[in-house]
Amino acid sequence: FESGAQGEFGAKYPDLVSVYTVVDHSDKKGYFSKEICTGPHVKNTREIGKFRIVKEQSVSSGVRRIKSVVE
């Protein structure tokens, strides 16, 4: 959280977590999104294959979150 990363409200995280950043050099912060996550990840969504978005919601002003499942 010290780096400005966002996490899930009320979630408990281990002392060491991964922070994933979507860079956006046009933004004054230098990034579009910076998220804390302890789940599994892939280098590219091609590794997952087809997936379906099952939920989309507003997280805060101008920020959306999606949840998806692998098909």
PDB file of N, CA and C in Angstrom:
ATOM      1  N   PHE A   1       0.818  -1.194   0.000  1.00  0.00           N
ATOM      2  CA  PHE A   1       0.000   0.000   0.000  1.00  0.00           C
ATOM      3  C   PHE A   1       0.863   1.261   0.000  1.00  0.00           C
ATOM      4  N   GLU A   2       2.074   1.133   0.526  1.00  0.00           N
ATOM      5  CA  GLU A   2       2.969   2.291   0.570  1.00  0.00           C
ATOM      6  C   GLU A   2       3.311   2.799  -0.824  1.00  0.00           C
ATOM      7  N   SER A   3       3.295   1.903  -1.820  1.00  0.00           N
ATOM      8  CA  SER A   3       3.633   2.304  -3.189  1.00  0.00           C
ATOM      9  C   SER A   3       2.433   2.872  -3.940  1.00  0.00           C
ATOM     10  N   GLY A   4       1.266   2.917  -3.279  1.00  0.00           N
ATOM     11  CA  GLY A   4       0.058   3.403  -3.928  1.00  0.00           C
ATOM     12  C   GLY A   4      -0.792   2.295  -4.511  1.00  0.00           C
ATOM     13  N   ALA A   5      -0.417   1.053  -4.264  1.00  0.00           N
ATOM     14  CA  ALA A   5      -1.173  -0.085  -4.803  1.00  0.00           C
ATOM     15  C   ALA A   5      -2.521  -0.214  -4.112  1.00  0.00           C
ATOM     16  N   GLN A   6      -3.499  -0.716  -4.859  1.00  0.00           N
ATOM     17  CA  GLN A   6      -4.847  -0.933  -4.344  1.00  0.00           C
ATOM     18  C   GLN A   6      -5.037  -2.405  -4.013  1.00  0.00           C
ATOM     19  N   GLY A   7      -5.796  -2.671  -2.965  1.00  0.00           N
ATOM     20  CA  GLY A   7      -6.148  -4.041  -2.606  1.00  0.00           C
ATOM     21  C   GLY A   7      -7.635  -4.110  -2.344  1.00  0.00           C
ATOM     22  N   GLU A   8      -8.123  -5.289  -1.992  1.00  0.00           N
ATOM     23  CA  GLU A   8      -9.543  -5.437  -1.673  1.00  0.00           C
ATOM     24  C   GLU A   8      -9.800  -4.969  -0.256  1.00  0.00           C
ATOM     25  N   PHE A   9     -10.843  -4.167  -0.077  1.00  0.00           N
ATOM     26  CA  PHE A   9     -11.200  -3.650   1.235  1.00  0.00           C
ATOM     27  C   PHE A   9     -11.486  -4.810   2.184  1.00  0.00           C
ATOM     28  N   GLY A  10     -10.860  -4.799   3.345  1.00  0.00           N
ATOM     29  CA  GLY A  10     -11.094  -5.824   4.356  1.00  0.00           C
ATOM     30  C   GLY A  10     -10.307  -7.101   4.150  1.00  0.00           C
ATOM     31  N   ALA A  11      -9.582  -7.210   3.036  1.00  0.00           N
ATOM     32  CA  ALA A  11      -8.811  -8.433   2.778  1.00  0.00           C
ATOM     33  C   ALA A  11      -7.568  -8.464   3.652  1.00  0.00           C
ATOM     34  N   LYS A  12      -7.162  -9.658   4.042  1.00  0.00           N
ATOM     35  CA  LYS A  12      -5.929  -9.835   4.808  1.00  0.00           C
ATOM     36  C   LYS A  12      -4.866 -10.353   3.849  1.00  0.00           C
ATOM     37  N   TYR A  13      -3.728  -9.690   3.827  1.00  0.00           N
ATOM     38  CA  TYR A  13      -2.646 -10.048   2.925  1.00  0.00           C
ATOM     39  C   TYR A  13      -1.440 -10.516   3.724  1.00  0.00           C
ATOM     40  N   PRO A  14      -0.639 -11.421   3.146  1.00  0.00           N
ATOM     41  CA  PRO A  14       0.603 -11.820   3.807  1.00  0.00           C
ATOM     42  C   PRO A  14       1.585 -10.650   3.805  1.00  0.00           C
ATOM     43  N   ASP A  15       2.678 -10.791   4.546  1.00  0.00           N
ATOM     44  CA  ASP A  15       3.674  -9.720   4.623  1.00  0.00           C
ATOM     45  C   ASP A  15       4.308  -9.425   3.264  1.00  0.00           C
ATOM     46  N   LEU A  16       4.465 -10.439   2.426  1.00  0.00           N
ATOM     47  CA  LEU A  16       5.056 -10.271   1.106  1.00  0.00           C
ATOM     48  C   LEU A  16       3.994 -10.559   0.050  1.00  0.00           C
ATOM     49  N   VAL A  17       3.722  -9.578  -0.812  1.00  0.00           N
ATOM     50  CA  VAL A  17       2.719  -9.729  -1.867  1.00  0.00           C
ATOM     51  C   VAL A  17       3.298  -9.276  -3.199  1.00  0.00           C
ATOM     52  N   SER A  18       2.640  -9.650  -4.268  1.00  0.00           N
ATOM     53  CA  SER A  18       2.999  -9.173  -5.601  1.00  0.00           C
ATOM     54  C   SER A  18       2.177  -7.929  -5.905  1.00  0.00           C
ATOM     55  N   VAL A  19       2.802  -6.972  -6.570  1.00  0.00           N
ATOM     56  CA  VAL A  19       2.106  -5.766  -7.010  1.00  0.00           C
ATOM     57  C   VAL A  19       2.208  -5.727  -8.529  1.00  0.00           C
ATOM     58  N   TYR A  20       1.061  -5.661  -9.194  1.00  0.00           N
ATOM     59  CA  TYR A  20       1.006  -5.631 -10.650  1.00  0.00           C
ATOM     60  C   TYR A  20       0.609  -4.236 -11.100  1.00  0.00           C
ATOM     61  N   THR A  21       1.365  -3.723 -12.064  1.00  0.00           N
ATOM     62  CA  THR A  21       1.174  -2.353 -12.523  1.00  0.00           C
ATOM     63  C   THR A  21       0.890  -2.319 -14.018  1.00  0.00           C
ATOM     64  N   VAL A  22      -0.129  -1.555 -14.405  1.00  0.00           N
ATOM     65  CA  VAL A  22      -0.401  -1.279 -15.812  1.00  0.00           C
ATOM     66  C   VAL A  22       0.113   0.135 -16.054  1.00  0.00           C
ATOM     67  N   VAL A  23       1.202   0.243 -16.794  1.00  0.00           N
ATOM     68  CA  VAL A  23       1.891   1.518 -17.010  1.00  0.00           C
ATOM     69  C   VAL A  23       1.102   2.402 -17.972  1.00  0.00           C
ATOM     70  N   ASP A  24       1.067   3.691 -17.655  1.00  0.00           N
ATOM     71  CA  ASP A  24       0.465   4.693 -18.536  1.00  0.00           C
ATOM     72  C   ASP A  24       1.289   5.961 -18.396  1.00  0.00           C
ATOM     73  N   HIS A  25       2.204   6.169 -19.331  1.00  0.00           N
ATOM     74  CA  HIS A  25       3.109   7.315 -19.246  1.00  0.00           C
ATOM     75  C   HIS A  25       2.402   8.654 -19.414  1.00  0.00           C
ATOM     76  N   SER A  26       1.173   8.643 -19.945  1.00  0.00           N
ATOM     77  CA  SER A  26       0.441   9.899 -20.112  1.00  0.00           C
ATOM     78  C   SER A  26      -0.216  10.346 -18.805  1.00  0.00           C
ATOM     79  N   ASP A  27      -0.304   9.458 -17.827  1.00  0.00           N
ATOM     80  CA  ASP A  27      -0.898   9.788 -16.527  1.00  0.00           C
ATOM     81  C   ASP A  27       0.172  10.395 -15.628  1.00  0.00           C
ATOM     82  N   LYS A  28      -0.181  11.386 -14.839  1.00  0.00           N
ATOM     83  CA  LYS A  28       0.813  12.043 -13.977  1.00  0.00           C
ATOM     84  C   LYS A  28       1.424  11.080 -12.963  1.00  0.00           C
ATOM     85  N   LYS A  29       0.700  10.009 -12.595  1.00  0.00           N
ATOM     86  CA  LYS A  29       1.245   9.004 -11.674  1.00  0.00           C
ATOM     87  C   LYS A  29       2.219   8.075 -12.392  1.00  0.00           C
ATOM     88  N   GLY A  30       2.081   7.972 -13.715  1.00  0.00           N
ATOM     89  CA  GLY A  30       2.922   7.075 -14.489  1.00  0.00           C
ATOM     90  C   GLY A  30       2.330   5.693 -14.676  1.00  0.00           C
ATOM     91  N   TYR A  31       1.146   5.475 -14.103  1.00  0.00           N
ATOM     92  CA  TYR A  31       0.493   4.177 -14.262  1.00  0.00           C
ATOM     93  C   TYR A  31      -1.016   4.345 -14.285  1.00  0.00           C
ATOM     94  N   PHE A  32      -1.684   3.369 -14.922  1.00  0.00           N
ATOM     95  CA  PHE A  32      -3.138   3.346 -14.989  1.00  0.00           C
ATOM     96  C   PHE A  32      -3.702   2.619 -13.784  1.00  0.00           C
ATOM     97  N   SER A  33      -3.053   1.519 -13.415  1.00  0.00           N
ATOM     98  CA  SER A  33      -3.535   0.695 -12.316  1.00  0.00           C
ATOM     99  C   SER A  33      -2.354   0.065 -11.602  1.00  0.00           C
ATOM    100  N   LYS A  34      -2.434  -0.023 -10.282  1.00  0.00           N
ATOM    101  CA  LYS A  34      -1.421  -0.690  -9.471  1.00  0.00           C
ATOM    102  C   LYS A  34      -2.177  -1.488  -8.420  1.00  0.00           C
ATOM    103  N   GLU A  35      -2.121  -2.806  -8.524  1.00  0.00           N
ATOM    104  CA  GLU A  35      -2.958  -3.679  -7.699  1.00  0.00           C
ATOM    105  C   GLU A  35      -2.134  -4.696  -6.919  1.00  0.00           C
ATOM    106  N   ILE A  36      -2.539  -4.942  -5.684  1.00  0.00           N
ATOM    107  CA  ILE A  36      -1.970  -6.011  -4.867  1.00  0.00           C
ATOM    108  C   ILE A  36      -2.760  -7.272  -5.157  1.00  0.00           C
ATOM    109  N   CYS A  37      -2.056  -8.378  -5.354  1.00  0.00           N
ATOM    110  CA  CYS A  37      -2.758  -9.633  -5.597  1.00  0.00           C
ATOM    111  C   CYS A  37      -1.906 -10.800  -5.130  1.00  0.00           C
ATOM    112  N   THR A  38      -2.537 -11.775  -4.527  1.00  0.00           N
ATOM    113  CA  THR A  38      -1.831 -12.974  -4.074  1.00  0.00           C
ATOM    114  C   THR A  38      -2.247 -14.194  -4.877  1.00  0.00           C
ATOM    115  N   GLY A  39      -3.010 -13.988  -5.944  1.00  0.00           N
ATOM    116  CA  GLY A  39      -3.489 -15.101  -6.764  1.00  0.00           C
ATOM    117  C   GLY A  39      -2.484 -15.506  -7.826  1.00  0.00           C
ATOM    118  N   PRO A  40      -2.785 -16.571  -8.559  1.00  0.00           N
ATOM    119  CA  PRO A  40      -1.899 -17.001  -9.651  1.00  0.00           C
ATOM    120  C   PRO A  40      -1.988 -16.031 -10.827  1.00  0.00           C
ATOM    121  N   HIS A  41      -0.911 -15.931 -11.587  1.00  0.00           N
ATOM    122  CA  HIS A  41      -0.865 -15.009 -12.712  1.00  0.00           C
ATOM    123  C   HIS A  41      -0.180 -15.654 -13.902  1.00  0.00           C
ATOM    124  N   VAL A  42      -0.382 -15.072 -15.057  1.00  0.00           N
ATOM    125  CA  VAL A  42       0.271 -15.497 -16.290  1.00  0.00           C
ATOM    126  C   VAL A  42       0.960 -14.285 -16.897  1.00  0.00           C
ATOM    127  N   LYS A  43       1.949 -14.544 -17.733  1.00  0.00           N
ATOM    128  CA  LYS A  43       2.652 -13.432 -18.381  1.00  0.00           C
ATOM    129  C   LYS A  43       1.802 -12.783 -19.463  1.00  0.00           C
ATOM    130  N   ASN A  44       0.921 -13.578 -20.087  1.00  0.00           N
ATOM    131  CA  ASN A  44       0.091 -13.071 -21.167  1.00  0.00           C
ATOM    132  C   ASN A  44      -1.238 -13.817 -21.141  1.00  0.00           C
ATOM    133  N   THR A  45      -2.334 -13.128 -21.395  1.00  0.00           N
ATOM    134  CA  THR A  45      -3.647 -13.781 -21.345  1.00  0.00           C
ATOM    135  C   THR A  45      -3.791 -14.888 -22.387  1.00  0.00           C
ATOM    136  N   ARG A  46      -2.917 -14.922 -23.391  1.00  0.00           N
ATOM    137  CA  ARG A  46      -2.943 -16.036 -24.355  1.00  0.00           C
ATOM    138  C   ARG A  46      -2.694 -17.368 -23.655  1.00  0.00           C
ATOM    139  N   GLU A  47      -1.960 -17.357 -22.537  1.00  0.00           N
ATOM    140  CA  GLU A  47      -1.698 -18.585 -21.781  1.00  0.00           C
ATOM    141  C   GLU A  47      -2.986 -19.145 -21.174  1.00  0.00           C
ATOM    142  N   ILE A  48      -3.947 -18.295 -20.909  1.00  0.00           N
ATOM    143  CA  ILE A  48      -5.215 -18.711 -20.313  1.00  0.00           C
ATOM    144  C   ILE A  48      -6.137 -19.294 -21.375  1.00  0.00           C
ATOM    145  N   GLY A  49      -6.147 -18.680 -22.525  1.00  0.00           N
ATOM    146  CA  GLY A  49      -7.094 -19.063 -23.571  1.00  0.00           C
ATOM    147  C   GLY A  49      -8.340 -18.204 -23.463  1.00  0.00           C
ATOM    148  N   LYS A  50      -9.458 -18.773 -23.867  1.00  0.00           N
ATOM    149  CA  LYS A  50     -10.717 -18.035 -23.848  1.00  0.00           C
ATOM    150  C   LYS A  50     -11.240 -17.890 -22.429  1.00  0.00           C
ATOM    151  N   PHE A  51     -11.709 -16.689 -22.098  1.00  0.00           N
ATOM    152  CA  PHE A  51     -12.351 -16.485 -20.805  1.00  0.00           C
ATOM    153  C   PHE A  51     -13.589 -15.625 -20.991  1.00  0.00           C
ATOM    154  N   ARG A  52     -14.497 -15.727 -20.036  1.00  0.00           N
ATOM    155  CA  ARG A  52     -15.767 -14.999 -20.104  1.00  0.00           C
ATOM    156  C   ARG A  52     -15.878 -14.091 -18.891  1.00  0.00           C
ATOM    157  N   ILE A  53     -16.212 -12.841 -19.116  1.00  0.00           N
ATOM    158  CA  ILE A  53     -16.426 -11.893 -18.022  1.00  0.00           C
ATOM    159  C   ILE A  53     -17.774 -12.204 -17.386  1.00  0.00           C
ATOM    160  N   VAL A  54     -17.776 -12.456 -16.073  1.00  0.00           N
ATOM    161  CA  VAL A  54     -19.017 -12.806 -15.379  1.00  0.00           C
ATOM    162  C   VAL A  54     -19.532 -11.677 -14.493  1.00  0.00           C
ATOM    163  N   LYS A  55     -18.673 -10.704 -14.207  1.00  0.00           N
ATOM    164  CA  LYS A  55     -19.103  -9.583 -13.379  1.00  0.00           C
ATOM    165  C   LYS A  55     -18.245  -8.370 -13.707  1.00  0.00           C
ATOM    166  N   GLU A  56     -18.892  -7.227 -13.730  1.00  0.00           N
ATOM    167  CA  GLU A  56     -18.195  -5.962 -13.955  1.00  0.00           C
ATOM    168  C   GLU A  56     -18.805  -4.967 -12.991  1.00  0.00           C
ATOM    169  N   GLN A  57     -17.963  -4.228 -12.292  1.00  0.00           N
ATOM    170  CA  GLN A  57     -18.492  -3.311 -11.286  1.00  0.00           C
ATOM    171  C   GLN A  57     -17.615  -2.073 -11.147  1.00  0.00           C
ATOM    172  N   SER A  58     -18.188  -1.043 -10.561  1.00  0.00           N
ATOM    173  CA  SER A  58     -17.453   0.174 -10.252  1.00  0.00           C
ATOM    174  C   SER A  58     -16.724  -0.027  -8.931  1.00  0.00           C
ATOM    175  N   VAL A  59     -15.444   0.297  -8.904  1.00  0.00           N
ATOM    176  CA  VAL A  59     -14.652   0.193  -7.680  1.00  0.00           C
ATOM    177  C   VAL A  59     -14.581   1.559  -7.008  1.00  0.00           C
ATOM    178  N   SER A  60     -14.357   2.584  -7.814  1.00  0.00           N
ATOM    179  CA  SER A  60     -14.349   3.970  -7.347  1.00  0.00           C
ATOM    180  C   SER A  60     -14.545   4.850  -8.580  1.00  0.00           C
ATOM    181  N   SER A  61     -14.510   6.128  -8.405  1.00  0.00           N
ATOM    182  CA  SER A  61     -14.744   7.044  -9.512  1.00  0.00           C
ATOM    183  C   SER A  61     -13.754   6.796 -10.651  1.00  0.00           C
ATOM    184  N   GLY A  62     -14.277   6.406 -11.803  1.00  0.00           N
ATOM    185  CA  GLY A  62     -13.438   6.179 -12.970  1.00  0.00           C
ATOM    186  C   GLY A  62     -12.695   4.853 -12.986  1.00  0.00           C
ATOM    187  N   VAL A  63     -12.978   3.968 -12.031  1.00  0.00           N
ATOM    188  CA  VAL A  63     -12.277   2.681 -11.949  1.00  0.00           C
ATOM    189  C   VAL A  63     -13.293   1.546 -12.010  1.00  0.00           C
ATOM    190  N   ARG A  64     -13.069   0.586 -12.898  1.00  0.00           N
ATOM    191  CA  ARG A  64     -13.951  -0.574 -13.054  1.00  0.00           C
ATOM    192  C   ARG A  64     -13.172  -1.842 -12.734  1.00  0.00           C
ATOM    193  N   ARG A  65     -13.861  -2.871 -12.278  1.00  0.00           N
ATOM    194  CA  ARG A  65     -13.249  -4.170 -11.993  1.00  0.00           C
ATOM    195  C   ARG A  65     -14.052  -5.244 -12.708  1.00  0.00           C
ATOM    196  N   ILE A  66     -13.335  -6.229 -13.268  1.00  0.00           N
ATOM    197  CA  ILE A  66     -14.024  -7.363 -13.877  1.00  0.00           C
ATOM    198  C   ILE A  66     -13.634  -8.646 -13.155  1.00  0.00           C
ATOM    199  N   LYS A  67     -14.562  -9.594 -13.145  1.00  0.00           N
ATOM    200  CA  LYS A  67     -14.281 -10.952 -12.677  1.00  0.00           C
ATOM    201  C   LYS A  67     -14.618 -11.855 -13.842  1.00  0.00           C
ATOM    202  N   SER A  68     -13.767 -12.852 -14.080  1.00  0.00           N
ATOM    203  CA  SER A  68     -13.974 -13.711 -15.239  1.00  0.00           C
ATOM    204  C   SER A  68     -13.706 -15.166 -14.897  1.00  0.00           C
ATOM    205  N   VAL A  69     -14.156 -16.046 -15.783  1.00  0.00           N
ATOM    206  CA  VAL A  69     -13.907 -17.481 -15.656  1.00  0.00           C
ATOM    207  C   VAL A  69     -13.313 -17.983 -16.963  1.00  0.00           C
ATOM    208  N   VAL A  70     -12.466 -18.991 -16.846  1.00  0.00           N
ATOM    209  CA  VAL A  70     -11.865 -19.599 -18.024  1.00  0.00           C
ATOM    210  C   VAL A  70     -12.878 -20.543 -18.651  1.00  0.00           C
ATOM    211  N   GLU A  71     -13.017 -20.484 -19.967  1.00  0.00           N
ATOM    212  CA  GLU A  71     -13.977 -21.360 -20.661  1.00  0.00           C
ATOM    213  C   GLU A  71     -13.283 -22.587 -21.193  1.00  0.00           C
TER     214      GLU A  71
END
